Amino acid sequence: MNTSTIWSIVGAVIAVIVALWLVNVVLSVTWFLAKLAIVAVVAVVIYGIIKAAFTSKDRTGK
């Protein structure tokens, strides 16, 4: 084995490690954004329910 072959193997191993790390980061960020979107939708729905409940109580009391 010459030096070029060794550096090729080392480069391939480093490339695989970096690729695994990048995929992990991208998937983590994507999952976080998906959870954030779900939380936002649920919060809007709950806000609407609470607002409707208080609005209907205010109208019946007047």
PDB file of N, CA and C in Angstrom:
ATOM      1  N   MET A   1       0.843  -1.182   0.000  1.00  0.00           N
ATOM      2  CA  MET A   1       0.000   0.000   0.000  1.00  0.00           C
ATOM      3  C   MET A   1       0.882   1.237   0.000  1.00  0.00           C
ATOM      4  N   ASN A   2       0.580   2.129  -0.931  1.00  0.00           N
ATOM      5  CA  ASN A   2       1.372   3.356  -0.948  1.00  0.00           C
ATOM      6  C   ASN A   2       0.637   4.460  -0.182  1.00  0.00           C
ATOM      7  N   THR A   3       1.292   5.600  -0.059  1.00  0.00           N
ATOM      8  CA  THR A   3       0.751   6.711   0.726  1.00  0.00           C
ATOM      9  C   THR A   3      -0.551   7.237   0.143  1.00  0.00           C
ATOM     10  N   SER A   4      -0.668   7.245  -1.158  1.00  0.00           N
ATOM     11  CA  SER A   4      -1.884   7.738  -1.807  1.00  0.00           C
ATOM     12  C   SER A   4      -3.097   6.894  -1.429  1.00  0.00           C
ATOM     13  N   THR A   5      -2.917   5.588  -1.381  1.00  0.00           N
ATOM     14  CA  THR A   5      -4.020   4.693  -1.012  1.00  0.00           C
ATOM     15  C   THR A   5      -4.442   4.910   0.440  1.00  0.00           C
ATOM     16  N   ILE A   6      -3.473   5.072   1.310  1.00  0.00           N
ATOM     17  CA  ILE A   6      -3.778   5.300   2.729  1.00  0.00           C
ATOM     18  C   ILE A   6      -4.559   6.601   2.897  1.00  0.00           C
ATOM     19  N   TRP A   7      -4.112   7.666   2.213  1.00  0.00           N
ATOM     20  CA  TRP A   7      -4.824   8.943   2.323  1.00  0.00           C
ATOM     21  C   TRP A   7      -6.214   8.862   1.711  1.00  0.00           C
ATOM     22  N   SER A   8      -6.381   8.049   0.693  1.00  0.00           N
ATOM     23  CA  SER A   8      -7.713   7.852   0.111  1.00  0.00           C
ATOM     24  C   SER A   8      -8.644   7.170   1.104  1.00  0.00           C
ATOM     25  N   ILE A   9      -8.139   6.175   1.798  1.00  0.00           N
ATOM     26  CA  ILE A   9      -8.944   5.474   2.805  1.00  0.00           C
ATOM     27  C   ILE A   9      -9.284   6.411   3.963  1.00  0.00           C
ATOM     28  N   VAL A  10      -8.295   7.157   4.433  1.00  0.00           N
ATOM     29  CA  VAL A  10      -8.529   8.111   5.526  1.00  0.00           C
ATOM     30  C   VAL A  10      -9.551   9.162   5.092  1.00  0.00           C
ATOM     31  N   GLY A  11      -9.418   9.651   3.870  1.00  0.00           N
ATOM     32  CA  GLY A  11     -10.372  10.638   3.353  1.00  0.00           C
ATOM     33  C   GLY A  11     -11.782  10.087   3.256  1.00  0.00           C
ATOM     34  N   ALA A  12     -11.903   8.840   2.832  1.00  0.00           N
ATOM     35  CA  ALA A  12     -13.227   8.215   2.734  1.00  0.00           C
ATOM     36  C   ALA A  12     -13.852   8.047   4.113  1.00  0.00           C
ATOM     37  N   VAL A  13     -13.061   7.632   5.091  1.00  0.00           N
ATOM     38  CA  VAL A  13     -13.576   7.469   6.453  1.00  0.00           C
ATOM     39  C   VAL A  13     -14.020   8.817   7.016  1.00  0.00           C
ATOM     40  N   ILE A  14     -13.216   9.844   6.819  1.00  0.00           N
ATOM     41  CA  ILE A  14     -13.575  11.184   7.291  1.00  0.00           C
ATOM     42  C   ILE A  14     -14.841  11.673   6.589  1.00  0.00           C
ATOM     43  N   ALA A  15     -14.949  11.417   5.293  1.00  0.00           N
ATOM     44  CA  ALA A  15     -16.139  11.831   4.545  1.00  0.00           C
ATOM     45  C   ALA A  15     -17.395  11.150   5.078  1.00  0.00           C
ATOM     46  N   VAL A  16     -17.302   9.878   5.403  1.00  0.00           N
ATOM     47  CA  VAL A  16     -18.458   9.154   5.952  1.00  0.00           C
ATOM     48  C   VAL A  16     -18.833   9.707   7.325  1.00  0.00           C
ATOM     49  N   ILE A  17     -17.852   9.979   8.157  1.00  0.00           N
ATOM     50  CA  ILE A  17     -18.127  10.526   9.493  1.00  0.00           C
ATOM     51  C   ILE A  17     -18.784  11.897   9.387  1.00  0.00           C
ATOM     52  N   VAL A  18     -18.252  12.755   8.523  1.00  0.00           N
ATOM     53  CA  VAL A  18     -18.830  14.090   8.337  1.00  0.00           C
ATOM     54  C   VAL A  18     -20.243  13.982   7.766  1.00  0.00           C
ATOM     55  N   ALA A  19     -20.455  13.084   6.825  1.00  0.00           N
ATOM     56  CA  ALA A  19     -21.785  12.905   6.235  1.00  0.00           C
ATOM     57  C   ALA A  19     -22.784  12.429   7.286  1.00  0.00           C
ATOM     58  N   LEU A  20     -22.403  11.484   8.117  1.00  0.00           N
ATOM     59  CA  LEU A  20     -23.290  11.017   9.187  1.00  0.00           C
ATOM     60  C   LEU A  20     -23.638  12.150  10.143  1.00  0.00           C
ATOM     61  N   TRP A  21     -22.656  12.953  10.495  1.00  0.00           N
ATOM     62  CA  TRP A  21     -22.884  14.076  11.398  1.00  0.00           C
ATOM     63  C   TRP A  21     -23.825  15.095  10.765  1.00  0.00           C
ATOM     64  N   LEU A  22     -23.593  15.417   9.487  1.00  0.00           N
ATOM     65  CA  LEU A  22     -24.450  16.386   8.799  1.00  0.00           C
ATOM     66  C   LEU A  22     -25.885  15.888   8.681  1.00  0.00           C
ATOM     67  N   VAL A  23     -26.061  14.632   8.339  1.00  0.00           N
ATOM     68  CA  VAL A  23     -27.411  14.067   8.233  1.00  0.00           C
ATOM     69  C   VAL A  23     -28.096  14.108   9.591  1.00  0.00           C
ATOM     70  N   ASN A  24     -27.378  13.795  10.645  1.00  0.00           N
ATOM     71  CA  ASN A  24     -27.941  13.852  11.992  1.00  0.00           C
ATOM     72  C   ASN A  24     -28.389  15.267  12.341  1.00  0.00           C
ATOM     73  N   VAL A  25     -27.568  16.256  12.035  1.00  0.00           N
ATOM     74  CA  VAL A  25     -27.915  17.648  12.324  1.00  0.00           C
ATOM     75  C   VAL A  25     -29.131  18.082  11.507  1.00  0.00           C
ATOM     76  N   VAL A  26     -29.133  17.769  10.227  1.00  0.00           N
ATOM     77  CA  VAL A  26     -30.249  18.172   9.363  1.00  0.00           C
ATOM     78  C   VAL A  26     -31.549  17.523   9.820  1.00  0.00           C
ATOM     79  N   LEU A  27     -31.512  16.245  10.148  1.00  0.00           N
ATOM     80  CA  LEU A  27     -32.723  15.569  10.611  1.00  0.00           C
ATOM     81  C   LEU A  27     -33.185  16.111  11.961  1.00  0.00           C
ATOM     82  N   SER A  28     -32.263  16.445  12.836  1.00  0.00           N
ATOM     83  CA  SER A  28     -32.634  17.019  14.128  1.00  0.00           C
ATOM     84  C   SER A  28     -33.304  18.376  13.950  1.00  0.00           C
ATOM     85  N   VAL A  29     -32.737  19.211  13.100  1.00  0.00           N
ATOM     86  CA  VAL A  29     -33.326  20.528  12.844  1.00  0.00           C
ATOM     87  C   VAL A  29     -34.688  20.380  12.185  1.00  0.00           C
ATOM     88  N   THR A  30     -34.806  19.469  11.234  1.00  0.00           N
ATOM     89  CA  THR A  30     -36.086  19.255  10.554  1.00  0.00           C
ATOM     90  C   THR A  30     -37.139  18.766  11.533  1.00  0.00           C
ATOM     91  N   TRP A  31     -36.798  17.821  12.390  1.00  0.00           N
ATOM     92  CA  TRP A  31     -37.748  17.310  13.375  1.00  0.00           C
ATOM     93  C   TRP A  31     -38.148  18.411  14.349  1.00  0.00           C
ATOM     94  N   PHE A  32     -37.198  19.262  14.764  1.00  0.00           N
ATOM     95  CA  PHE A  32     -37.510  20.375  15.658  1.00  0.00           C
ATOM     96  C   PHE A  32     -38.486  21.334  14.997  1.00  0.00           C
ATOM     97  N   LEU A  33     -38.268  21.661  13.723  1.00  0.00           N
ATOM     98  CA  LEU A  33     -39.175  22.565  13.015  1.00  0.00           C
ATOM     99  C   LEU A  33     -40.557  21.943  12.855  1.00  0.00           C
ATOM    100  N   ALA A  34     -40.618  20.644  12.616  1.00  0.00           N
ATOM    101  CA  ALA A  34     -41.914  19.966  12.503  1.00  0.00           C
ATOM    102  C   ALA A  34     -42.652  20.012  13.843  1.00  0.00           C
ATOM    103  N   LYS A  35     -41.946  19.752  14.938  1.00  0.00           N
ATOM    104  CA  LYS A  35     -42.576  19.826  16.256  1.00  0.00           C
ATOM    105  C   LYS A  35     -43.041  21.247  16.550  1.00  0.00           C
ATOM    106  N   LEU A  36     -42.237  22.229  16.166  1.00  0.00           N
ATOM    107  CA  LEU A  36     -42.602  23.626  16.378  1.00  0.00           C
ATOM    108  C   LEU A  36     -43.868  23.984  15.611  1.00  0.00           C
ATOM    109  N   ALA A  37     -43.992  23.499  14.389  1.00  0.00           N
ATOM    110  CA  ALA A  37     -45.194  23.752  13.591  1.00  0.00           C
ATOM    111  C   ALA A  37     -46.415  23.087  14.221  1.00  0.00           C
ATOM    112  N   ILE A  38     -46.265  21.869  14.704  1.00  0.00           N
ATOM    113  CA  ILE A  38     -47.380  21.171  15.351  1.00  0.00           C
ATOM    114  C   ILE A  38     -47.813  21.915  16.612  1.00  0.00           C
ATOM    115  N   VAL A  39     -46.857  22.368  17.402  1.00  0.00           N
ATOM    116  CA  VAL A  39     -47.170  23.122  18.619  1.00  0.00           C
ATOM    117  C   VAL A  39     -47.900  24.413  18.267  1.00  0.00           C
ATOM    118  N   ALA A  40     -47.471  25.093  17.213  1.00  0.00           N
ATOM    119  CA  ALA A  40     -48.131  26.335  16.807  1.00  0.00           C
ATOM    120  C   ALA A  40     -49.578  26.080  16.401  1.00  0.00           C
ATOM    121  N   VAL A  41     -49.828  25.031  15.646  1.00  0.00           N
ATOM    122  CA  VAL A  41     -51.197  24.712  15.220  1.00  0.00           C
ATOM    123  C   VAL A  41     -52.066  24.372  16.429  1.00  0.00           C
ATOM    124  N   VAL A  42     -51.557  23.553  17.329  1.00  0.00           N
ATOM    125  CA  VAL A  42     -52.323  23.189  18.525  1.00  0.00           C
ATOM    126  C   VAL A  42     -52.595  24.424  19.384  1.00  0.00           C
ATOM    127  N   ALA A  43     -51.617  25.300  19.522  1.00  0.00           N
ATOM    128  CA  ALA A  43     -51.802  26.518  20.310  1.00  0.00           C
ATOM    129  C   ALA A  43     -52.883  27.408  19.703  1.00  0.00           C
ATOM    130  N   VAL A  44     -52.909  27.542  18.387  1.00  0.00           N
ATOM    131  CA  VAL A  44     -53.934  28.357  17.727  1.00  0.00           C
ATOM    132  C   VAL A  44     -55.315  27.748  17.942  1.00  0.00           C
ATOM    133  N   VAL A  45     -55.425  26.439  17.836  1.00  0.00           N
ATOM    134  CA  VAL A  45     -56.716  25.769  18.054  1.00  0.00           C
ATOM    135  C   VAL A  45     -57.184  25.971  19.494  1.00  0.00           C
ATOM    136  N   ILE A  46     -56.306  25.780  20.453  1.00  0.00           N
ATOM    137  CA  ILE A  46     -56.674  25.956  21.862  1.00  0.00           C
ATOM    138  C   ILE A  46     -57.045  27.408  22.136  1.00  0.00           C
ATOM    139  N   TYR A  47     -56.299  28.349  21.573  1.00  0.00           N
ATOM    140  CA  TYR A  47     -56.618  29.766  21.737  1.00  0.00           C
ATOM    141  C   TYR A  47     -58.009  30.063  21.185  1.00  0.00           C
ATOM    142  N   GLY A  48     -58.323  29.512  20.023  1.00  0.00           N
ATOM    143  CA  GLY A  48     -59.648  29.724  19.435  1.00  0.00           C
ATOM    144  C   GLY A  48     -60.755  29.152  20.302  1.00  0.00           C
ATOM    145  N   ILE A  49     -60.529  27.975  20.861  1.00  0.00           N
ATOM    146  CA  ILE A  49     -61.532  27.356  21.739  1.00  0.00           C
ATOM    147  C   ILE A  49     -61.740  28.198  22.994  1.00  0.00           C
ATOM    148  N   ILE A  50     -60.655  28.637  23.599  1.00  0.00           N
ATOM    149  CA  ILE A  50     -60.758  29.455  24.814  1.00  0.00           C
ATOM    150  C   ILE A  50     -61.445  30.782  24.505  1.00  0.00           C
ATOM    151  N   LYS A  51     -61.066  31.414  23.414  1.00  0.00           N
ATOM    152  CA  LYS A  51     -61.672  32.696  23.042  1.00  0.00           C
ATOM    153  C   LYS A  51     -63.163  32.522  22.767  1.00  0.00           C
ATOM    154  N   ALA A  52     -63.533  31.455  22.075  1.00  0.00           N
ATOM    155  CA  ALA A  52     -64.948  31.208  21.785  1.00  0.00           C
ATOM    156  C   ALA A  52     -65.724  30.942  23.074  1.00  0.00           C
ATOM    157  N   ALA A  53     -65.131  30.236  24.007  1.00  0.00           N
ATOM    158  CA  ALA A  53     -65.811  29.939  25.271  1.00  0.00           C
ATOM    159  C   ALA A  53     -66.066  31.213  26.065  1.00  0.00           C
ATOM    160  N   PHE A  54     -65.082  32.087  26.143  1.00  0.00           N
ATOM    161  CA  PHE A  54     -65.268  33.324  26.891  1.00  0.00           C
ATOM    162  C   PHE A  54     -66.181  34.298  26.162  1.00  0.00           C
ATOM    163  N   THR A  55     -66.134  34.307  24.838  1.00  0.00           N
ATOM    164  CA  THR A  55     -67.006  35.194  24.066  1.00  0.00           C
ATOM    165  C   THR A  55     -68.463  34.783  24.240  1.00  0.00           C
ATOM    166  N   SER A  56     -68.747  33.500  24.209  1.00  0.00           N
ATOM    167  CA  SER A  56     -70.137  33.051  24.357  1.00  0.00           C
ATOM    168  C   SER A  56     -70.644  33.325  25.775  1.00  0.00           C
ATOM    169  N   LYS A  57     -69.798  33.244  26.789  1.00  0.00           N
ATOM    170  CA  LYS A  57     -70.211  33.561  28.156  1.00  0.00           C
ATOM    171  C   LYS A  57     -70.499  35.052  28.293  1.00  0.00           C
ATOM    172  N   ASP A  58     -69.681  35.888  27.651  1.00  0.00           N
ATOM    173  CA  ASP A  58     -69.900  37.331  27.723  1.00  0.00           C
ATOM    174  C   ASP A  58     -71.213  37.714  27.051  1.00  0.00           C
ATOM    175  N   ARG A  59     -71.561  37.107  25.951  1.00  0.00           N
ATOM    176  CA  ARG A  59     -72.786  37.441  25.222  1.00  0.00           C
ATOM    177  C   ARG A  59     -74.029  36.980  25.981  1.00  0.00           C
ATOM    178  N   THR A  60     -73.947  35.820  26.632  1.00  0.00           N
ATOM    179  CA  THR A  60     -75.120  35.330  27.359  1.00  0.00           C
ATOM    180  C   THR A  60     -75.335  36.114  28.642  1.00  0.00           C
ATOM    181  N   GLY A  61     -74.300  36.694  29.187  1.00  0.00           N
ATOM    182  CA  GLY A  61     -74.419  37.456  30.427  1.00  0.00           C
ATOM    183  C   GLY A  61     -74.982  38.849  30.217  1.00  0.00           C
ATOM    184  N   LYS A  62     -74.961  39.375  28.996  1.00  0.00           N
ATOM    185  CA  LYS A  62     -75.410  40.753  28.745  1.00  0.00           C
ATOM    186  C   LYS A  62     -76.868  40.833  28.480  1.00  0.00           C
TER     187      LYS A  62
END
